[in-house]
Amino acid sequence: MAMIKKSITVTDQQDHWIKSQIEMGFYGNESEVFRELIRERQLRERASTQALEAVREKLEQAEQNGFCEQSPSEILQDIKNGFGKHAHQDQQ
């Protein structure tokens, strides 16, 4: 893996935090700090993307199932009473 050298600017407070992480032995040098932070962000973005895809899939499934014939007030009443009771009452 090729390593590319970057130059960045941080605040005094950020610099102090980075140095303290190294002094406490969490990292061997500043580059390790930044690489770890980047990896953590990449993982969060990947998880967020996966969650969004799951929601999108559920919405597509719901769309394929068709529209509900209940009125908004009936839907609200079902929510207040607990999901699925309206459908159960229709079957009786």
N, C-alpha and C. Protein backbone atom coordinates (compact mmCIF):
# COMPACT_ATOMS: atom_id res chain seq x y z
N MET A 1 0.85 -1.17 0.00
CA MET A 1 0.00 0.00 0.00
C MET A 1 0.90 1.24 0.00
N ALA A 2 0.67 2.11 -0.95
CA ALA A 2 1.46 3.33 -1.04
C ALA A 2 1.00 4.33 0.03
N MET A 3 1.94 4.99 0.63
CA MET A 3 1.63 6.01 1.63
C MET A 3 1.87 7.37 0.99
N ILE A 4 0.92 8.26 1.18
CA ILE A 4 1.01 9.60 0.61
C ILE A 4 1.14 10.58 1.77
N LYS A 5 2.11 11.44 1.68
CA LYS A 5 2.35 12.41 2.74
C LYS A 5 1.40 13.59 2.56
N LYS A 6 0.78 13.99 3.67
CA LYS A 6 -0.15 15.11 3.69
C LYS A 6 0.30 16.13 4.72
N SER A 7 -0.02 17.36 4.48
CA SER A 7 0.25 18.41 5.45
C SER A 7 -1.10 18.97 5.88
N ILE A 8 -1.33 19.01 7.20
CA ILE A 8 -2.61 19.52 7.70
C ILE A 8 -2.36 20.58 8.77
N THR A 9 -3.39 21.34 9.05
CA THR A 9 -3.33 22.36 10.08
C THR A 9 -4.37 22.04 11.14
N VAL A 10 -3.98 22.09 12.41
CA VAL A 10 -4.90 21.84 13.52
C VAL A 10 -4.82 23.00 14.50
N THR A 11 -5.82 23.09 15.35
CA THR A 11 -5.81 24.13 16.39
C THR A 11 -4.85 23.72 17.49
N ASP A 12 -4.54 24.66 18.38
CA ASP A 12 -3.68 24.35 19.53
C ASP A 12 -4.31 23.26 20.39
N GLN A 13 -5.62 23.35 20.59
CA GLN A 13 -6.32 22.37 21.41
C GLN A 13 -6.24 20.98 20.77
N GLN A 14 -6.44 20.90 19.46
CA GLN A 14 -6.34 19.62 18.76
C GLN A 14 -4.92 19.06 18.83
N ASP A 15 -3.94 19.93 18.68
CA ASP A 15 -2.55 19.50 18.76
C ASP A 15 -2.24 18.92 20.13
N HIS A 16 -2.73 19.61 21.17
CA HIS A 16 -2.52 19.12 22.54
C HIS A 16 -3.16 17.74 22.71
N TRP A 17 -4.37 17.57 22.20
CA TRP A 17 -5.07 16.29 22.33
C TRP A 17 -4.29 15.18 21.60
N ILE A 18 -3.84 15.46 20.40
CA ILE A 18 -3.07 14.48 19.62
C ILE A 18 -1.81 14.07 20.38
N LYS A 19 -1.08 15.06 20.88
CA LYS A 19 0.14 14.77 21.63
C LYS A 19 -0.13 13.98 22.90
N SER A 20 -1.25 14.30 23.56
CA SER A 20 -1.59 13.57 24.79
C SER A 20 -1.92 12.10 24.48
N GLN A 21 -2.55 11.84 23.34
CA GLN A 21 -2.85 10.47 22.94
C GLN A 21 -1.57 9.67 22.74
N ILE A 22 -0.57 10.33 22.15
CA ILE A 22 0.72 9.68 21.92
C ILE A 22 1.45 9.47 23.24
N GLU A 23 1.44 10.49 24.12
CA GLU A 23 2.11 10.39 25.41
C GLU A 23 1.52 9.30 26.29
N MET A 24 0.19 9.08 26.17
CA MET A 24 -0.46 8.05 26.96
C MET A 24 -0.25 6.66 26.36
N GLY A 25 0.39 6.60 25.21
CA GLY A 25 0.71 5.32 24.61
C GLY A 25 -0.36 4.72 23.72
N PHE A 26 -1.40 5.49 23.42
CA PHE A 26 -2.45 4.99 22.55
C PHE A 26 -1.97 4.87 21.10
N TYR A 27 -1.04 5.74 20.72
CA TYR A 27 -0.51 5.77 19.35
C TYR A 27 0.99 5.99 19.40
N GLY A 28 1.67 5.54 18.36
CA GLY A 28 3.12 5.72 18.29
C GLY A 28 3.53 7.05 17.70
N ASN A 29 2.66 7.62 16.87
CA ASN A 29 2.98 8.91 16.25
C ASN A 29 1.69 9.58 15.74
N GLU A 30 1.83 10.80 15.27
CA GLU A 30 0.67 11.56 14.83
C GLU A 30 -0.05 10.91 13.65
N SER A 31 0.71 10.31 12.74
CA SER A 31 0.09 9.67 11.58
C SER A 31 -0.87 8.56 12.01
N GLU A 32 -0.48 7.80 13.04
CA GLU A 32 -1.35 6.74 13.52
C GLU A 32 -2.66 7.30 14.07
N VAL A 33 -2.59 8.44 14.73
CA VAL A 33 -3.80 9.09 15.26
C VAL A 33 -4.75 9.40 14.11
N PHE A 34 -4.23 10.05 13.10
CA PHE A 34 -5.08 10.46 11.98
C PHE A 34 -5.63 9.28 11.20
N ARG A 35 -4.80 8.26 10.99
CA ARG A 35 -5.29 7.08 10.27
C ARG A 35 -6.41 6.39 11.04
N GLU A 36 -6.26 6.31 12.36
CA GLU A 36 -7.32 5.69 13.17
C GLU A 36 -8.61 6.50 13.10
N LEU A 37 -8.51 7.81 13.18
CA LEU A 37 -9.70 8.66 13.09
C LEU A 37 -10.38 8.50 11.74
N ILE A 38 -9.60 8.41 10.69
CA ILE A 38 -10.16 8.22 9.35
C ILE A 38 -10.85 6.85 9.25
N ARG A 39 -10.22 5.81 9.78
CA ARG A 39 -10.82 4.47 9.75
C ARG A 39 -12.16 4.46 10.50
N GLU A 40 -12.20 5.10 11.67
CA GLU A 40 -13.44 5.16 12.45
C GLU A 40 -14.54 5.85 11.65
N ARG A 41 -14.20 6.95 10.99
CA ARG A 41 -15.19 7.68 10.19
C ARG A 41 -15.66 6.82 9.02
N GLN A 42 -14.75 6.11 8.38
CA GLN A 42 -15.13 5.24 7.27
C GLN A 42 -16.09 4.15 7.73
N LEU A 43 -15.85 3.59 8.91
CA LEU A 43 -16.75 2.57 9.45
C LEU A 43 -18.13 3.14 9.74
N ARG A 44 -18.17 4.34 10.33
CA ARG A 44 -19.47 4.99 10.61
C ARG A 44 -20.23 5.26 9.32
N GLU A 45 -19.53 5.74 8.30
CA GLU A 45 -20.18 6.01 7.02
C GLU A 45 -20.71 4.72 6.39
N ARG A 46 -19.93 3.66 6.48
CA ARG A 46 -20.35 2.37 5.92
C ARG A 46 -21.60 1.87 6.65
N ALA A 47 -21.61 1.98 7.98
CA ALA A 47 -22.76 1.55 8.76
C ALA A 47 -23.99 2.39 8.43
N SER A 48 -23.78 3.68 8.27
CA SER A 48 -24.87 4.58 7.92
C SER A 48 -25.44 4.24 6.55
N THR A 49 -24.57 3.95 5.61
CA THR A 49 -25.00 3.59 4.27
C THR A 49 -25.79 2.29 4.30
N GLN A 50 -25.33 1.32 5.09
CA GLN A 50 -26.03 0.04 5.20
C GLN A 50 -27.41 0.24 5.82
N ALA A 51 -27.51 1.10 6.83
CA ALA A 51 -28.80 1.37 7.46
C ALA A 51 -29.74 2.04 6.47
N LEU A 52 -29.23 2.98 5.71
CA LEU A 52 -30.04 3.67 4.71
C LEU A 52 -30.54 2.69 3.66
N GLU A 53 -29.68 1.78 3.23
CA GLU A 53 -30.08 0.77 2.25
C GLU A 53 -31.16 -0.14 2.81
N ALA A 54 -31.07 -0.48 4.09
CA ALA A 54 -32.09 -1.33 4.73
C ALA A 54 -33.43 -0.61 4.76
N VAL A 55 -33.42 0.67 5.08
CA VAL A 55 -34.66 1.45 5.09
C VAL A 55 -35.23 1.54 3.68
N ARG A 56 -34.36 1.81 2.72
CA ARG A 56 -34.81 1.89 1.33
C ARG A 56 -35.44 0.57 0.88
N GLU A 57 -34.84 -0.54 1.26
CA GLU A 57 -35.37 -1.85 0.90
C GLU A 57 -36.75 -2.06 1.52
N LYS A 58 -36.90 -1.69 2.79
CA LYS A 58 -38.19 -1.82 3.47
C LYS A 58 -39.25 -0.95 2.80
N LEU A 59 -38.88 0.26 2.40
CA LEU A 59 -39.83 1.14 1.72
C LEU A 59 -40.25 0.57 0.37
N GLU A 60 -39.29 0.00 -0.35
CA GLU A 60 -39.61 -0.62 -1.64
C GLU A 60 -40.55 -1.81 -1.45
N GLN A 61 -40.31 -2.61 -0.40
CA GLN A 61 -41.20 -3.75 -0.11
C GLN A 61 -42.61 -3.26 0.21
N ALA A 62 -42.69 -2.21 1.02
CA ALA A 62 -43.99 -1.66 1.38
C ALA A 62 -44.71 -1.11 0.15
N GLU A 63 -43.97 -0.47 -0.71
CA GLU A 63 -44.54 0.09 -1.94
C GLU A 63 -45.09 -1.02 -2.83
N GLN A 64 -44.39 -2.14 -2.90
CA GLN A 64 -44.83 -3.26 -3.72
C GLN A 64 -46.07 -3.93 -3.15
N ASN A 65 -46.27 -3.80 -1.84
CA ASN A 65 -47.44 -4.40 -1.19
C ASN A 65 -48.71 -3.59 -1.44
N GLY A 66 -48.61 -2.41 -1.97
CA GLY A 66 -49.78 -1.59 -2.26
C GLY A 66 -50.08 -0.58 -1.18
N PHE A 67 -51.09 0.19 -1.45
CA PHE A 67 -51.48 1.26 -0.54
C PHE A 67 -52.51 0.79 0.47
N CYS A 68 -52.54 1.42 1.56
CA CYS A 68 -53.49 1.13 2.62
C CYS A 68 -54.80 1.83 2.30
N GLU A 69 -55.92 1.14 2.59
CA GLU A 69 -57.23 1.74 2.32
C GLU A 69 -57.80 2.44 3.53
N GLN A 70 -57.05 2.44 4.63
CA GLN A 70 -57.53 3.10 5.84
C GLN A 70 -57.40 4.61 5.69
N SER A 71 -58.29 5.31 6.38
CA SER A 71 -58.20 6.77 6.44
C SER A 71 -57.12 7.14 7.45
N PRO A 72 -56.63 8.37 7.38
CA PRO A 72 -55.62 8.80 8.37
C PRO A 72 -56.12 8.64 9.81
N SER A 73 -57.39 8.93 10.06
CA SER A 73 -57.91 8.80 11.43
C SER A 73 -57.96 7.33 11.86
N GLU A 74 -58.28 6.43 10.91
CA GLU A 74 -58.26 5.00 11.24
C GLU A 74 -56.85 4.52 11.55
N ILE A 75 -55.89 5.00 10.78
CA ILE A 75 -54.49 4.63 11.02
C ILE A 75 -54.05 5.13 12.39
N LEU A 76 -54.42 6.37 12.72
CA LEU A 76 -54.07 6.94 14.02
C LEU A 76 -54.70 6.12 15.14
N GLN A 77 -55.95 5.71 14.95
CA GLN A 77 -56.61 4.90 15.97
C GLN A 77 -55.91 3.56 16.13
N ASP A 78 -55.49 2.94 15.02
CA ASP A 78 -54.73 1.69 15.10
C ASP A 78 -53.44 1.86 15.88
N ILE A 79 -52.77 2.98 15.65
CA ILE A 79 -51.52 3.25 16.37
C ILE A 79 -51.80 3.37 17.87
N LYS A 80 -52.88 4.07 18.21
CA LYS A 80 -53.22 4.23 19.62
C LYS A 80 -53.62 2.90 20.26
N ASN A 81 -54.29 2.05 19.49
CA ASN A 81 -54.77 0.77 20.01
C ASN A 81 -53.74 -0.35 19.91
N GLY A 82 -52.72 -0.14 19.10
CA GLY A 82 -51.75 -1.19 18.87
C GLY A 82 -51.88 -1.68 17.43
N PHE A 83 -50.78 -1.85 16.76
CA PHE A 83 -50.79 -2.23 15.36
C PHE A 83 -51.46 -3.57 15.13
N GLY A 84 -52.16 -3.69 14.01
CA GLY A 84 -52.72 -4.95 13.58
C GLY A 84 -54.12 -5.23 14.07
N LYS A 85 -54.63 -4.45 15.00
CA LYS A 85 -55.97 -4.73 15.53
C LYS A 85 -57.04 -4.45 14.49
N HIS A 86 -56.85 -3.43 13.68
CA HIS A 86 -57.84 -3.08 12.66
C HIS A 86 -57.99 -4.22 11.66
N ALA A 87 -56.86 -4.78 11.22
CA ALA A 87 -56.87 -5.88 10.26
C ALA A 87 -57.53 -7.10 10.90
N HIS A 88 -57.29 -7.34 12.18
CA HIS A 88 -57.88 -8.48 12.88
C HIS A 88 -59.40 -8.31 12.97
N GLN A 89 -59.89 -7.10 13.25
CA GLN A 89 -61.31 -6.84 13.36
C GLN A 89 -62.00 -7.04 12.02
N ASP A 90 -61.32 -6.70 10.91
CA ASP A 90 -61.90 -6.87 9.58
C ASP A 90 -62.11 -8.34 9.25
N GLN A 91 -61.26 -9.21 9.80
CA GLN A 91 -61.35 -10.63 9.50
C GLN A 91 -62.47 -11.31 10.27
N GLN A 92 -62.95 -10.69 11.34
CA GLN A 92 -64.00 -11.31 12.17
C GLN A 92 -65.35 -11.15 11.54
